[in-house]
Structure formats: structure tokens, C-alpha cells
PDB file of N, CA and C in Angstrom:
ATOM      1  N   MET A   1      -5.967 119.123  79.367  1.00  0.00           N
ATOM      2  CA  MET A   1      -5.939 119.184  80.818  1.00  0.00           C
ATOM      3  C   MET A   1      -7.368 119.343  81.328  1.00  0.00           C
ATOM      4  N   SER A   2      -7.742 118.512  82.233  1.00  0.00           N
ATOM      5  CA  SER A   2      -9.078 118.607  82.814  1.00  0.00           C
ATOM      6  C   SER A   2      -8.971 119.329  84.155  1.00  0.00           C
ATOM      7  N   THR A   3      -9.497 120.535  84.211  1.00  0.00           N
ATOM      8  CA  THR A   3      -9.487 121.322  85.438  1.00  0.00           C
ATOM      9  C   THR A   3     -10.899 121.794  85.724  1.00  0.00           C
ATOM     10  N   PHE A   4     -11.101 122.244  86.933  1.00  0.00           N
ATOM     11  CA  PHE A   4     -12.443 122.632  87.333  1.00  0.00           C
ATOM     12  C   PHE A   4     -12.867 123.952  86.699  1.00  0.00           C
ATOM     13  N   HIS A   5     -11.986 124.945  86.705  1.00  0.00           N
ATOM     14  CA  HIS A   5     -12.324 126.285  86.238  1.00  0.00           C
ATOM     15  C   HIS A   5     -11.550 126.652  84.976  1.00  0.00           C
ATOM     16  N   ALA A   6     -12.158 127.565  84.197  1.00  0.00           N
ATOM     17  CA  ALA A   6     -11.477 128.148  83.046  1.00  0.00           C
ATOM     18  C   ALA A   6     -11.935 129.596  82.925  1.00  0.00           C
ATOM     19  N   VAL A   7     -11.027 130.414  82.427  1.00  0.00           N
ATOM     20  CA  VAL A   7     -11.367 131.791  82.108  1.00  0.00           C
ATOM     21  C   VAL A   7     -10.882 132.032  80.684  1.00  0.00           C
ATOM     22  N   VAL A   8     -11.721 132.716  79.907  1.00  0.00           N
ATOM     23  CA  VAL A   8     -11.385 133.012  78.518  1.00  0.00           C
ATOM     24  C   VAL A   8     -11.483 134.505  78.321  1.00  0.00           C
ATOM     25  N   TRP A   9     -10.356 135.121  77.937  1.00  0.00           N
ATOM     26  CA  TRP A   9     -10.373 136.505  77.503  1.00  0.00           C
ATOM     27  C   TRP A   9     -10.369 136.447  75.984  1.00  0.00           C
ATOM     28  N   MET A  10     -11.310 137.126  75.361  1.00  0.00           N
ATOM     29  CA  MET A  10     -11.347 137.060  73.907  1.00  0.00           C
ATOM     30  C   MET A  10     -11.804 138.355  73.273  1.00  0.00           C
ATOM     31  N   ASP A  11     -11.275 138.571  72.075  1.00  0.00           N
ATOM     32  CA  ASP A  11     -11.815 139.559  71.155  1.00  0.00           C
ATOM     33  C   ASP A  11     -11.959 138.822  69.824  1.00  0.00           C
ATOM     34  N   HIS A  12     -12.176 139.510  68.733  1.00  0.00           N
ATOM     35  CA  HIS A  12     -12.395 138.804  67.470  1.00  0.00           C
ATOM     36  C   HIS A  12     -11.109 138.311  66.813  1.00  0.00           C
ATOM     37  N   SER A  13      -9.959 138.687  67.337  1.00  0.00           N
ATOM     38  CA  SER A  13      -8.718 138.242  66.721  1.00  0.00           C
ATOM     39  C   SER A  13      -8.027 137.117  67.479  1.00  0.00           C
ATOM     40  N   GLU A  14      -8.248 137.011  68.776  1.00  0.00           N
ATOM     41  CA  GLU A  14      -7.621 135.937  69.542  1.00  0.00           C
ATOM     42  C   GLU A  14      -8.357 135.683  70.850  1.00  0.00           C
ATOM     43  N   ALA A  15      -8.063 134.510  71.407  1.00  0.00           N
ATOM     44  CA  ALA A  15      -8.616 134.141  72.709  1.00  0.00           C
ATOM     45  C   ALA A  15      -7.482 133.631  73.583  1.00  0.00           C
ATOM     46  N   HIS A  16      -7.496 134.009  74.839  1.00  0.00           N
ATOM     47  CA  HIS A  16      -6.576 133.479  75.842  1.00  0.00           C
ATOM     48  C   HIS A  16      -7.420 132.551  76.710  1.00  0.00           C
ATOM     49  N   VAL A  17      -7.140 131.269  76.626  1.00  0.00           N
ATOM     50  CA  VAL A  17      -7.885 130.273  77.386  1.00  0.00           C
ATOM     51  C   VAL A  17      -6.979 129.821  78.524  1.00  0.00           C
ATOM     52  N   VAL A  18      -7.417 130.058  79.756  1.00  0.00           N
ATOM     53  CA  VAL A  18      -6.632 129.685  80.924  1.00  0.00           C
ATOM     54  C   VAL A  18      -7.476 128.731  81.769  1.00  0.00           C
ATOM     55  N   MET A  19      -6.989 127.510  81.897  1.00  0.00           N
ATOM     56  CA  MET A  19      -7.669 126.497  82.699  1.00  0.00           C
ATOM     57  C   MET A  19      -6.875 126.327  83.980  1.00  0.00           C
ATOM     58  N   PHE A  20      -7.583 126.210  85.111  1.00  0.00           N
ATOM     59  CA  PHE A  20      -6.853 126.144  86.374  1.00  0.00           C
ATOM     60  C   PHE A  20      -7.662 125.435  87.448  1.00  0.00           C
ATOM     61  N   ASP A  21      -6.927 124.962  88.435  1.00  0.00           N
ATOM     62  CA  ASP A  21      -7.503 124.456  89.674  1.00  0.00           C
ATOM     63  C   ASP A  21      -6.603 124.977  90.787  1.00  0.00           C
ATOM     64  N   ARG A  22      -6.661 124.389  91.961  1.00  0.00           N
ATOM     65  CA  ARG A  22      -5.854 124.905  93.076  1.00  0.00           C
ATOM     66  C   ARG A  22      -4.361 124.887  92.793  1.00  0.00           C
ATOM     67  N   GLU A  23      -3.878 123.836  92.156  1.00  0.00           N
ATOM     68  CA  GLU A  23      -2.433 123.670  91.986  1.00  0.00           C
ATOM     69  C   GLU A  23      -1.911 123.894  90.580  1.00  0.00           C
ATOM     70  N   HIS A  24      -2.763 123.897  89.576  1.00  0.00           N
ATOM     71  CA  HIS A  24      -2.307 123.920  88.193  1.00  0.00           C
ATOM     72  C   HIS A  24      -2.911 125.084  87.417  1.00  0.00           C
ATOM     73  N   VAL A  25      -2.117 125.604  86.491  1.00  0.00           N
ATOM     74  CA  VAL A  25      -2.590 126.620  85.553  1.00  0.00           C
ATOM     75  C   VAL A  25      -2.032 126.251  84.193  1.00  0.00           C
ATOM     76  N   GLN A  26      -2.909 126.219  83.196  1.00  0.00           N
ATOM     77  CA  GLN A  26      -2.474 125.952  81.831  1.00  0.00           C
ATOM     78  C   GLN A  26      -3.112 126.993  80.929  1.00  0.00           C
ATOM     79  N   ALA A  27      -2.286 127.719  80.189  1.00  0.00           N
ATOM     80  CA  ALA A  27      -2.783 128.777  79.319  1.00  0.00           C
ATOM     81  C   ALA A  27      -2.447 128.467  77.866  1.00  0.00           C
ATOM     82  N   GLN A  28      -3.348 128.858  76.994  1.00  0.00           N
ATOM     83  CA  GLN A  28      -3.077 128.762  75.566  1.00  0.00           C
ATOM     84  C   GLN A  28      -3.736 129.928  74.854  1.00  0.00           C
ATOM     85  N   ARG A  29      -3.149 130.312  73.734  1.00  0.00           N
ATOM     86  CA  ARG A  29      -3.706 131.377  72.907  1.00  0.00           C
ATOM     87  C   ARG A  29      -4.208 130.762  71.617  1.00  0.00           C
ATOM     88  N   ILE A  30      -5.371 131.203  71.226  1.00  0.00           N
ATOM     89  CA  ILE A  30      -5.972 130.719  69.993  1.00  0.00           C
ATOM     90  C   ILE A  30      -6.201 131.931  69.108  1.00  0.00           C
ATOM     91  N   LYS A  31      -5.607 131.904  67.935  1.00  0.00           N
ATOM     92  CA  LYS A  31      -5.739 133.009  66.985  1.00  0.00           C
ATOM     93  C   LYS A  31      -6.874 132.732  66.022  1.00  0.00           C
ATOM     94  N   SER A  32      -7.589 133.771  65.674  1.00  0.00           N
ATOM     95  CA  SER A  32      -8.612 133.668  64.643  1.00  0.00           C
ATOM     96  C   SER A  32      -7.902 133.462  63.308  1.00  0.00           C
ATOM     97  N   ARG A  33      -8.472 132.625  62.469  1.00  0.00           N
ATOM     98  CA  ARG A  33      -7.872 132.360  61.154  1.00  0.00           C
ATOM     99  C   ARG A  33      -8.299 133.386  60.122  1.00  0.00           C
ATOM    100  N   SER A  34      -9.256 134.206  60.466  1.00  0.00           N
ATOM    101  CA  SER A  34      -9.780 135.194  59.539  1.00  0.00           C
ATOM    102  C   SER A  34      -8.945 136.465  59.607  1.00  0.00           C
ATOM    103  N   HIS A  35      -8.686 137.035  58.456  1.00  0.00           N
ATOM    104  CA  HIS A  35      -7.934 138.300  58.401  1.00  0.00           C
ATOM    105  C   HIS A  35      -8.813 139.438  57.920  1.00  0.00           C
ATOM    106  N   HIS A  36     -10.111 139.202  57.917  1.00  0.00           N
ATOM    107  CA  HIS A  36     -11.033 140.233  57.460  1.00  0.00           C
ATOM    108  C   HIS A  36     -11.165 141.320  58.504  1.00  0.00           C
ATOM    109  N   LYS A  37     -11.402 142.527  58.025  1.00  0.00           N
ATOM    110  CA  LYS A  37     -11.538 143.654  58.937  1.00  0.00           C
ATOM    111  C   LYS A  37     -12.731 143.484  59.865  1.00  0.00           C
ATOM    112  N   HIS A  38     -13.829 142.945  59.360  1.00  0.00           N
ATOM    113  CA  HIS A  38     -15.041 142.785  60.160  1.00  0.00           C
ATOM    114  C   HIS A  38     -15.182 141.336  60.588  1.00  0.00           C
ATOM    115  N   GLN A  39     -14.352 140.933  61.499  1.00  0.00           N
ATOM    116  CA  GLN A  39     -14.397 139.557  61.984  1.00  0.00           C
ATOM    117  C   GLN A  39     -15.608 139.357  62.870  1.00  0.00           C
ATOM    118  N   GLY A  40     -15.932 138.095  63.097  1.00  0.00           N
ATOM    119  CA  GLY A  40     -17.048 137.781  63.955  1.00  0.00           C
ATOM    120  C   GLY A  40     -18.362 137.695  63.208  1.00  0.00           C
ATOM    121  N   LYS A  41     -18.339 137.889  61.909  1.00  0.00           N
ATOM    122  CA  LYS A  41     -19.554 137.816  61.113  1.00  0.00           C
ATOM    123  C   LYS A  41     -19.666 136.428  60.489  1.00  0.00           C
ATOM    124  N   GLY A  42     -20.799 135.795  60.684  1.00  0.00           N
ATOM    125  CA  GLY A  42     -21.092 134.530  60.023  1.00  0.00           C
ATOM    126  C   GLY A  42     -20.016 133.476  60.176  1.00  0.00           C
ATOM    127  N   ASP A  43     -19.555 132.947  59.064  1.00  0.00           N
ATOM    128  CA  ASP A  43     -18.589 131.860  59.062  1.00  0.00           C
ATOM    129  C   ASP A  43     -17.199 132.290  59.514  1.00  0.00           C
ATOM    130  N   ASP A  44     -16.903 133.586  59.492  1.00  0.00           N
ATOM    131  CA  ASP A  44     -15.591 134.056  59.921  1.00  0.00           C
ATOM    132  C   ASP A  44     -15.283 133.596  61.342  1.00  0.00           C
ATOM    133  N   ALA A  45     -16.267 133.645  62.203  1.00  0.00           N
ATOM    134  CA  ALA A  45     -16.048 133.324  63.608  1.00  0.00           C
ATOM    135  C   ALA A  45     -16.255 131.848  63.928  1.00  0.00           C
ATOM    136  N   SER A  46     -16.926 131.111  63.082  1.00  0.00           N
ATOM    137  CA  SER A  46     -17.282 129.734  63.404  1.00  0.00           C
ATOM    138  C   SER A  46     -16.067 128.853  63.690  1.00  0.00           C
ATOM    139  N   ALA A  47     -15.061 128.900  62.845  1.00  0.00           N
ATOM    140  CA  ALA A  47     -13.860 128.077  63.059  1.00  0.00           C
ATOM    141  C   ALA A  47     -13.132 128.513  64.328  1.00  0.00           C
ATOM    142  N   PHE A  48     -13.060 129.811  64.544  1.00  0.00           N
ATOM    143  CA  PHE A  48     -12.425 130.362  65.739  1.00  0.00           C
ATOM    144  C   PHE A  48     -13.165 129.903  66.996  1.00  0.00           C
ATOM    145  N   PHE A  49     -14.483 130.043  67.002  1.00  0.00           N
ATOM    146  CA  PHE A  49     -15.283 129.627  68.147  1.00  0.00           C
ATOM    147  C   PHE A  49     -15.191 128.117  68.380  1.00  0.00           C
ATOM    148  N   THR A  50     -15.117 127.347  67.302  1.00  0.00           N
ATOM    149  CA  THR A  50     -14.948 125.893  67.429  1.00  0.00           C
ATOM    150  C   THR A  50     -13.646 125.568  68.138  1.00  0.00           C
ATOM    151  N   ASP A  51     -12.571 126.248  67.767  1.00  0.00           N
ATOM    152  CA  ASP A  51     -11.267 126.024  68.408  1.00  0.00           C
ATOM    153  C   ASP A  51     -11.317 126.376  69.897  1.00  0.00           C
ATOM    154  N   VAL A  52     -11.972 127.485  70.230  1.00  0.00           N
ATOM    155  CA  VAL A  52     -12.073 127.891  71.634  1.00  0.00           C
ATOM    156  C   VAL A  52     -12.909 126.878  72.413  1.00  0.00           C
ATOM    157  N   ALA A  53     -14.022 126.445  71.846  1.00  0.00           N
ATOM    158  CA  ALA A  53     -14.881 125.463  72.521  1.00  0.00           C
ATOM    159  C   ALA A  53     -14.131 124.149  72.752  1.00  0.00           C
ATOM    160  N   GLN A  54     -13.340 123.723  71.781  1.00  0.00           N
ATOM    161  CA  GLN A  54     -12.561 122.493  71.948  1.00  0.00           C
ATOM    162  C   GLN A  54     -11.537 122.646  73.067  1.00  0.00           C
ATOM    163  N   ALA A  55     -10.956 123.817  73.188  1.00  0.00           N
ATOM    164  CA  ALA A  55      -9.972 124.057  74.246  1.00  0.00           C
ATOM    165  C   ALA A  55     -10.614 124.002  75.633  1.00  0.00           C
ATOM    166  N   LEU A  56     -11.908 124.255  75.716  1.00  0.00           N
ATOM    167  CA  LEU A  56     -12.603 124.289  77.002  1.00  0.00           C
ATOM    168  C   LEU A  56     -13.156 122.931  77.431  1.00  0.00           C
ATOM    169  N   GLN A  57     -13.010 121.916  76.608  1.00  0.00           N
ATOM    170  CA  GLN A  57     -13.503 120.594  76.965  1.00  0.00           C
ATOM    171  C   GLN A  57     -12.853 120.150  78.270  1.00  0.00           C
ATOM    172  N   GLY A  58     -13.662 119.648  79.186  1.00  0.00           N
ATOM    173  CA  GLY A  58     -13.153 119.171  80.464  1.00  0.00           C
ATOM    174  C   GLY A  58     -13.293 120.157  81.604  1.00  0.00           C
ATOM    175  N   SER A  59     -13.610 121.411  81.295  1.00  0.00           N
ATOM    176  CA  SER A  59     -13.830 122.392  82.364  1.00  0.00           C
ATOM    177  C   SER A  59     -15.258 122.273  82.865  1.00  0.00           C
ATOM    178  N   HIS A  60     -15.445 122.596  84.137  1.00  0.00           N
ATOM    179  CA  HIS A  60     -16.770 122.531  84.728  1.00  0.00           C
ATOM    180  C   HIS A  60     -17.437 123.898  84.809  1.00  0.00           C
ATOM    181  N   GLU A  61     -16.628 124.955  84.964  1.00  0.00           N
ATOM    182  CA  GLU A  61     -17.139 126.319  85.035  1.00  0.00           C
ATOM    183  C   GLU A  61     -16.232 127.217  84.202  1.00  0.00           C
ATOM    184  N   VAL A  62     -16.861 128.051  83.381  1.00  0.00           N
ATOM    185  CA  VAL A  62     -16.111 128.916  82.469  1.00  0.00           C
ATOM    186  C   VAL A  62     -16.581 130.351  82.643  1.00  0.00           C
ATOM    187  N   LEU A  63     -15.625 131.245  82.830  1.00  0.00           N
ATOM    188  CA  LEU A  63     -15.888 132.677  82.885  1.00  0.00           C
ATOM    189  C   LEU A  63     -15.384 133.293  81.589  1.00  0.00           C
ATOM    190  N   LEU A  64     -16.242 134.009  80.874  1.00  0.00           N
ATOM    191  CA  LEU A  64     -15.862 134.693  79.644  1.00  0.00           C
ATOM    192  C   LEU A  64     -15.614 136.159  79.945  1.00  0.00           C
ATOM    193  N   CYS A  65     -14.579 136.715  79.348  1.00  0.00           N
ATOM    194  CA  CYS A  65     -14.342 138.148  79.510  1.00  0.00           C
ATOM    195  C   CYS A  65     -13.654 138.687  78.269  1.00  0.00           C
ATOM    196  N   GLY A  66     -13.699 139.978  78.120  1.00  0.00           N
ATOM    197  CA  GLY A  66     -13.080 140.632  76.978  1.00  0.00           C
ATOM    198  C   GLY A  66     -13.638 142.030  76.810  1.00  0.00           C
ATOM    199  N   PRO A  67     -13.056 142.793  75.873  1.00  0.00           N
ATOM    200  CA  PRO A  67     -13.420 144.193  75.732  1.00  0.00           C
ATOM    201  C   PRO A  67     -14.641 144.474  74.854  1.00  0.00           C
ATOM    202  N   GLY A  68     -15.062 143.531  74.041  1.00  0.00           N
ATOM    203  CA  GLY A  68     -16.134 143.819  73.082  1.00  0.00           C
ATOM    204  C   GLY A  68     -17.221 142.766  73.078  1.00  0.00           C
ATOM    205  N   LEU A  69     -17.784 142.559  71.909  1.00  0.00           N
ATOM    206  CA  LEU A  69     -18.915 141.654  71.756  1.00  0.00           C
ATOM    207  C   LEU A  69     -18.535 140.199  71.543  1.00  0.00           C
ATOM    208  N   ALA A  70     -17.296 139.902  71.275  1.00  0.00           N
ATOM    209  CA  ALA A  70     -16.892 138.535  70.927  1.00  0.00           C
ATOM    210  C   ALA A  70     -17.286 137.529  71.992  1.00  0.00           C
ATOM    211  N   ARG A  71     -17.147 137.881  73.262  1.00  0.00           N
ATOM    212  CA  ARG A  71     -17.466 136.930  74.330  1.00  0.00           C
ATOM    213  C   ARG A  71     -18.951 136.566  74.325  1.00  0.00           C
ATOM    214  N   ASN A  72     -19.815 137.540  74.055  1.00  0.00           N
ATOM    215  CA  ASN A  72     -21.247 137.272  74.010  1.00  0.00           C
ATOM    216  C   ASN A  72     -21.632 136.522  72.734  1.00  0.00           C
ATOM    217  N   GLN A  73     -20.957 136.827  71.640  1.00  0.00           N
ATOM    218  CA  GLN A  73     -21.194 136.090  70.399  1.00  0.00           C
ATOM    219  C   GLN A  73     -20.752 134.635  70.565  1.00  0.00           C
ATOM    220  N   PHE A  74     -19.646 134.420  71.270  1.00  0.00           N
ATOM    221  CA  PHE A  74     -19.188 133.059  71.541  1.00  0.00           C
ATOM    222  C   PHE A  74     -20.212 132.316  72.399  1.00  0.00           C
ATOM    223  N   ARG A  75     -20.730 132.976  73.408  1.00  0.00           N
ATOM    224  CA  ARG A  75     -21.741 132.358  74.276  1.00  0.00           C
ATOM    225  C   ARG A  75     -22.975 131.957  73.468  1.00  0.00           C
ATOM    226  N   ASP A  76     -23.428 132.841  72.585  1.00  0.00           N
ATOM    227  CA  ASP A  76     -24.579 132.535  71.727  1.00  0.00           C
ATOM    228  C   ASP A  76     -24.255 131.383  70.777  1.00  0.00           C
ATOM    229  N   TRP A  77     -23.054 131.396  70.210  1.00  0.00           N
ATOM    230  CA  TRP A  77     -22.625 130.321  69.305  1.00  0.00           C
ATOM    231  C   TRP A  77     -22.624 128.988  70.046  1.00  0.00           C
ATOM    232  N   CYS A  78     -22.133 128.969  71.270  1.00  0.00           N
ATOM    233  CA  CYS A  78     -22.101 127.732  72.061  1.00  0.00           C
ATOM    234  C   CYS A  78     -23.508 127.202  72.310  1.00  0.00           C
ATOM    235  N   SER A  79     -24.463 128.087  72.511  1.00  0.00           N
ATOM    236  CA  SER A  79     -25.847 127.653  72.734  1.00  0.00           C
ATOM    237  C   SER A  79     -26.368 126.830  71.564  1.00  0.00           C
ATOM    238  N   LYS A  80     -25.918 127.145  70.365  1.00  0.00           N
ATOM    239  CA  LYS A  80     -26.386 126.448  69.167  1.00  0.00           C
ATOM    240  C   LYS A  80     -25.481 125.292  68.748  1.00  0.00           C
ATOM    241  N   HIS A  81     -24.169 125.402  69.024  1.00  0.00           N
ATOM    242  CA  HIS A  81     -23.214 124.452  68.448  1.00  0.00           C
ATOM    243  C   HIS A  81     -22.426 123.626  69.462  1.00  0.00           C
ATOM    244  N   SER A  82     -22.399 124.037  70.714  1.00  0.00           N
ATOM    245  CA  SER A  82     -21.631 123.314  71.729  1.00  0.00           C
ATOM    246  C   SER A  82     -22.353 123.408  73.071  1.00  0.00           C
ATOM    247  N   ALA A  83     -23.376 122.602  73.213  1.00  0.00           N
ATOM    248  CA  ALA A  83     -24.215 122.660  74.411  1.00  0.00           C
ATOM    249  C   ALA A  83     -23.432 122.369  75.686  1.00  0.00           C
ATOM    250  N   ALA A  84     -22.441 121.490  75.612  1.00  0.00           N
ATOM    251  CA  ALA A  84     -21.648 121.152  76.800  1.00  0.00           C
ATOM    252  C   ALA A  84     -20.889 122.372  77.310  1.00  0.00           C
ATOM    253  N   VAL A  85     -20.299 123.140  76.414  1.00  0.00           N
ATOM    254  CA  VAL A  85     -19.574 124.344  76.823  1.00  0.00           C
ATOM    255  C   VAL A  85     -20.571 125.400  77.286  1.00  0.00           C
ATOM    256  N   ALA A  86     -21.674 125.559  76.568  1.00  0.00           N
ATOM    257  CA  ALA A  86     -22.686 126.554  76.951  1.00  0.00           C
ATOM    258  C   ALA A  86     -23.179 126.312  78.373  1.00  0.00           C
ATOM    259  N   ALA A  87     -23.328 125.056  78.752  1.00  0.00           N
ATOM    260  CA  ALA A  87     -23.805 124.723  80.092  1.00  0.00           C
ATOM    261  C   ALA A  87     -22.791 125.081  81.174  1.00  0.00           C
ATOM    262  N   CYS A  88     -21.524 125.186  80.809  1.00  0.00           N
ATOM    263  CA  CYS A  88     -20.454 125.489  81.774  1.00  0.00           C
ATOM    264  C   CYS A  88     -20.199 126.980  81.940  1.00  0.00           C
ATOM    265  N   VAL A  89     -20.668 127.797  81.004  1.00  0.00           N
ATOM    266  CA  VAL A  89     -20.416 129.237  81.068  1.00  0.00           C
ATOM    267  C   VAL A  89     -21.256 129.830  82.198  1.00  0.00           C
ATOM    268  N   VAL A  90     -20.568 130.420  83.176  1.00  0.00           N
ATOM    269  CA  VAL A  90     -21.258 130.974  84.339  1.00  0.00           C
ATOM    270  C   VAL A  90     -21.499 132.475  84.232  1.00  0.00           C
ATOM    271  N   ASP A  91     -20.678 133.177  83.428  1.00  0.00           N
ATOM    272  CA  ASP A  91     -20.846 134.620  83.326  1.00  0.00           C
ATOM    273  C   ASP A  91     -20.020 135.150  82.170  1.00  0.00           C
ATOM    274  N   SER A  92     -20.334 136.373  81.760  1.00  0.00           N
ATOM    275  CA  SER A  92     -19.591 137.086  80.734  1.00  0.00           C
ATOM    276  C   SER A  92     -19.393 138.503  81.250  1.00  0.00           C
ATOM    277  N   VAL A  93     -18.133 138.888  81.449  1.00  0.00           N
ATOM    278  CA  VAL A  93     -17.849 140.201  82.030  1.00  0.00           C
ATOM    279  C   VAL A  93     -16.892 140.988  81.144  1.00  0.00           C
ATOM    280  N   ALA A  94     -17.041 142.294  81.176  1.00  0.00           N
ATOM    281  CA  ALA A  94     -16.152 143.168  80.417  1.00  0.00           C
ATOM    282  C   ALA A  94     -14.793 143.237  81.097  1.00  0.00           C
ATOM    283  N   ALA A  95     -13.742 143.152  80.296  1.00  0.00           N
ATOM    284  CA  ALA A  95     -12.374 143.276  80.820  1.00  0.00           C
ATOM    285  C   ALA A  95     -11.485 143.823  79.714  1.00  0.00           C
ATOM    286  N   ASP A  96     -10.581 144.678  80.090  1.00  0.00           N
ATOM    287  CA  ASP A  96      -9.675 145.285  79.124  1.00  0.00           C
ATOM    288  C   ASP A  96      -8.688 144.244  78.613  1.00  0.00           C
ATOM    289  N   HIS A  97      -7.404 144.466  78.690  1.00  0.00           N
ATOM    290  CA  HIS A  97      -6.383 143.545  78.191  1.00  0.00           C
ATOM    291  C   HIS A  97      -5.456 143.111  79.326  1.00  0.00           C
ATOM    292  N   PRO A  98      -5.915 142.235  80.221  1.00  0.00           N
ATOM    293  CA  PRO A  98      -5.055 141.807  81.336  1.00  0.00           C
ATOM    294  C   PRO A  98      -3.992 140.813  80.862  1.00  0.00           C
ATOM    295  N   SER A  99      -2.925 140.718  81.619  1.00  0.00           N
ATOM    296  CA  SER A  99      -1.943 139.661  81.372  1.00  0.00           C
ATOM    297  C   SER A  99      -2.583 138.343  81.800  1.00  0.00           C
ATOM    298  N   ASP A 100      -1.983 137.222  81.427  1.00  0.00           N
ATOM    299  CA  ASP A 100      -2.536 135.934  81.835  1.00  0.00           C
ATOM    300  C   ASP A 100      -2.553 135.797  83.355  1.00  0.00           C
ATOM    301  N   ALA A 101      -1.516 136.315  84.031  1.00  0.00           N
ATOM    302  CA  ALA A 101      -1.472 136.252  85.498  1.00  0.00           C
ATOM    303  C   ALA A 101      -2.607 137.080  86.108  1.00  0.00           C
ATOM    304  N   GLN A 102      -2.862 138.267  85.557  1.00  0.00           N
ATOM    305  CA  GLN A 102      -3.960 139.093  86.040  1.00  0.00           C
ATOM    306  C   GLN A 102      -5.309 138.432  85.762  1.00  0.00           C
ATOM    307  N   LEU A 103      -5.392 137.761  84.623  1.00  0.00           N
ATOM    308  CA  LEU A 103      -6.614 137.053  84.259  1.00  0.00           C
ATOM    309  C   LEU A 103      -6.923 135.936  85.253  1.00  0.00           C
ATOM    310  N   VAL A 104      -5.906 135.167  85.616  1.00  0.00           N
ATOM    311  CA  VAL A 104      -6.090 134.082  86.590  1.00  0.00           C
ATOM    312  C   VAL A 104      -6.463 134.655  87.949  1.00  0.00           C
ATOM    313  N   ALA A 105      -5.799 135.720  88.369  1.00  0.00           N
ATOM    314  CA  ALA A 105      -6.118 136.333  89.666  1.00  0.00           C
ATOM    315  C   ALA A 105      -7.561 136.827  89.695  1.00  0.00           C
ATOM    316  N   MET A 106      -7.999 137.477  88.620  1.00  0.00           N
ATOM    317  CA  MET A 106      -9.375 137.952  88.541  1.00  0.00           C
ATOM    318  C   MET A 106     -10.347 136.771  88.585  1.00  0.00           C
ATOM    319  N   ALA A 107     -10.045 135.718  87.838  1.00  0.00           N
ATOM    320  CA  ALA A 107     -10.931 134.552  87.786  1.00  0.00           C
ATOM    321  C   ALA A 107     -10.976 133.825  89.126  1.00  0.00           C
ATOM    322  N   ARG A 108      -9.838 133.695  89.784  1.00  0.00           N
ATOM    323  CA  ARG A 108      -9.830 133.049  91.104  1.00  0.00           C
ATOM    324  C   ARG A 108     -10.729 133.810  92.078  1.00  0.00           C
ATOM    325  N   GLN A 109     -10.624 135.125  92.058  1.00  0.00           N
ATOM    326  CA  GLN A 109     -11.461 135.955  92.929  1.00  0.00           C
ATOM    327  C   GLN A 109     -12.938 135.778  92.563  1.00  0.00           C
ATOM    328  N   TYR A 110     -13.237 135.796  91.266  1.00  0.00           N
ATOM    329  CA  TYR A 110     -14.611 135.623  90.817  1.00  0.00           C
ATOM    330  C   TYR A 110     -15.147 134.262  91.260  1.00  0.00           C
ATOM    331  N   PHE A 111     -14.393 133.205  90.996  1.00  0.00           N
ATOM    332  CA  PHE A 111     -14.872 131.865  91.301  1.00  0.00           C
ATOM    333  C   PHE A 111     -14.944 131.603  92.805  1.00  0.00           C
ATOM    334  N   LYS A 112     -14.100 132.266  93.574  1.00  0.00           N
ATOM    335  CA  LYS A 112     -14.184 132.108  95.024  1.00  0.00           C
ATOM    336  C   LYS A 112     -15.542 132.610  95.510  1.00  0.00           C
ATOM    337  N   LYS A 113     -15.948 133.783  95.035  1.00  0.00           N
ATOM    338  CA  LYS A 113     -17.259 134.323  95.388  1.00  0.00           C
ATOM    339  C   LYS A 113     -18.370 133.452  94.816  1.00  0.00           C
ATOM    340  N   PHE A 114     -18.223 133.045  93.553  1.00  0.00           N
ATOM    341  CA  PHE A 114     -19.237 132.217  92.895  1.00  0.00           C
ATOM    342  C   PHE A 114     -19.408 130.893  93.636  1.00  0.00           C
ATOM    343  N   ASP A 115     -18.297 130.244  94.002  1.00  0.00           N
ATOM    344  CA  ASP A 115     -18.353 128.954  94.679  1.00  0.00           C
ATOM    345  C   ASP A 115     -18.898 129.098  96.098  1.00  0.00           C
ATOM    346  N   ASN A 116     -18.575 130.190  96.768  1.00  0.00           N
ATOM    347  CA  ASN A 116     -19.133 130.411  98.107  1.00  0.00           C
ATOM    348  C   ASN A 116     -20.641 130.566  98.045  1.00  0.00           C
ATOM    349  N   MET A 117     -21.140 131.256  97.041  1.00  0.00           N
ATOM    350  CA  MET A 117     -22.585 131.422  96.888  1.00  0.00           C
ATOM    351  C   MET A 117     -23.249 130.082  96.541  1.00  0.00           C
ATOM    352  N   ALA A 118     -22.520 129.226  95.807  1.00  0.00           N
ATOM    353  CA  ALA A 118     -23.071 127.935  95.405  1.00  0.00           C
ATOM    354  C   ALA A 118     -22.744 126.852  96.429  1.00  0.00           C
ATOM    355  N   ALA A 119     -22.047 127.219  97.514  1.00  0.00           N
ATOM    356  CA  ALA A 119     -21.629 126.290  98.548  1.00  0.00           C
ATOM    357  C   ALA A 119     -20.733 125.181  97.992  1.00  0.00           C
ATOM    358  N   ASP A 120     -19.831 125.569  97.068  1.00  0.00           N
ATOM    359  CA  ASP A 120     -18.888 124.624  96.475  1.00  0.00           C
ATOM    360  C   ASP A 120     -17.541 124.813  97.139  1.00  0.00           C
ATOM    361  N   PRO A 121     -17.038 123.821  97.855  1.00  0.00           N
ATOM    362  CA  PRO A 121     -15.790 123.973  98.599  1.00  0.00           C
ATOM    363  C   PRO A 121     -14.535 123.805  97.750  1.00  0.00           C
ATOM    364  N   SER A 122     -14.645 123.638  96.458  1.00  0.00           N
ATOM    365  CA  SER A 122     -13.477 123.344  95.632  1.00  0.00           C
ATOM    366  C   SER A 122     -12.451 124.458  95.604  1.00  0.00           C
ATOM    367  N   MET A 123     -12.854 125.700  95.855  1.00  0.00           N
ATOM    368  CA  MET A 123     -11.915 126.814  95.827  1.00  0.00           C
ATOM    369  C   MET A 123     -11.648 127.392  97.206  1.00  0.00           C
ATOM    370  N   ALA A 124     -12.066 126.720  98.252  1.00  0.00           N
ATOM    371  CA  ALA A 124     -11.882 127.234  99.607  1.00  0.00           C
ATOM    372  C   ALA A 124     -10.428 127.273  99.997  1.00  0.00           C
TER     373      ALA A 124
END
């Protein structure tokens, strides 16, 4: 699905990728394939981050959120391995464990402010 905005809530075990525009919302969960206690190290996270980056193809603006370091590690990984996704990431914010509906509501509010500052009428 090609939508304008996406929000990703992630930790080292899973990611909730929610893509949306004014009329549509599509959510998917991506599980990490690693069962190691210390996930996010080296190759453990690479396959997981690749799956998340592939899910974000077609989005124009991406907001990352989550409770720990995974969102920032994903952003750094994208800088090296997925320049198209890295260019779309607008921010990384701390967030506990919201439901998908709460995640979309938070992202809509964030992007409304972001788009108003950028003079983008897509979310008006």
C-alpha cells in the first residue's frame, strides 16, 4: 500500500508498521526472527530491520517510536542500508506500548503539526 505517512512502533522483538493517509489505515506486525536474549546486536537485527524497511516502501514520511533503543538503531541501519527509508524518517520519539489505534492517533497529531510547519496541506 502506498500511503503518505507511516508510523513504526518497535522494540527488538517486533515492529508495528502502520501506514495511513486521510481515508486508509493498514497495519502489520513484523516479528524479529532472532530468539537471542540480547537482540539488536550485529546480524541479529539486520534481517529484522530489512523486513521493516521493506514494509515502509512507498511512504513519504515515517515517524519512529518505541520504548528503547531499537528505533534509533533502525534509523542508523537505514542510513547505511536503506537510504530511501532513511530519507523519509522525520523523527524518533519515545513511546510506551500503545494500541495500533492509539499509535495512529498519536501519529496523525504529530504529522498534522509537522505538515503545518512544512506548509503541506495533505493532512489538513
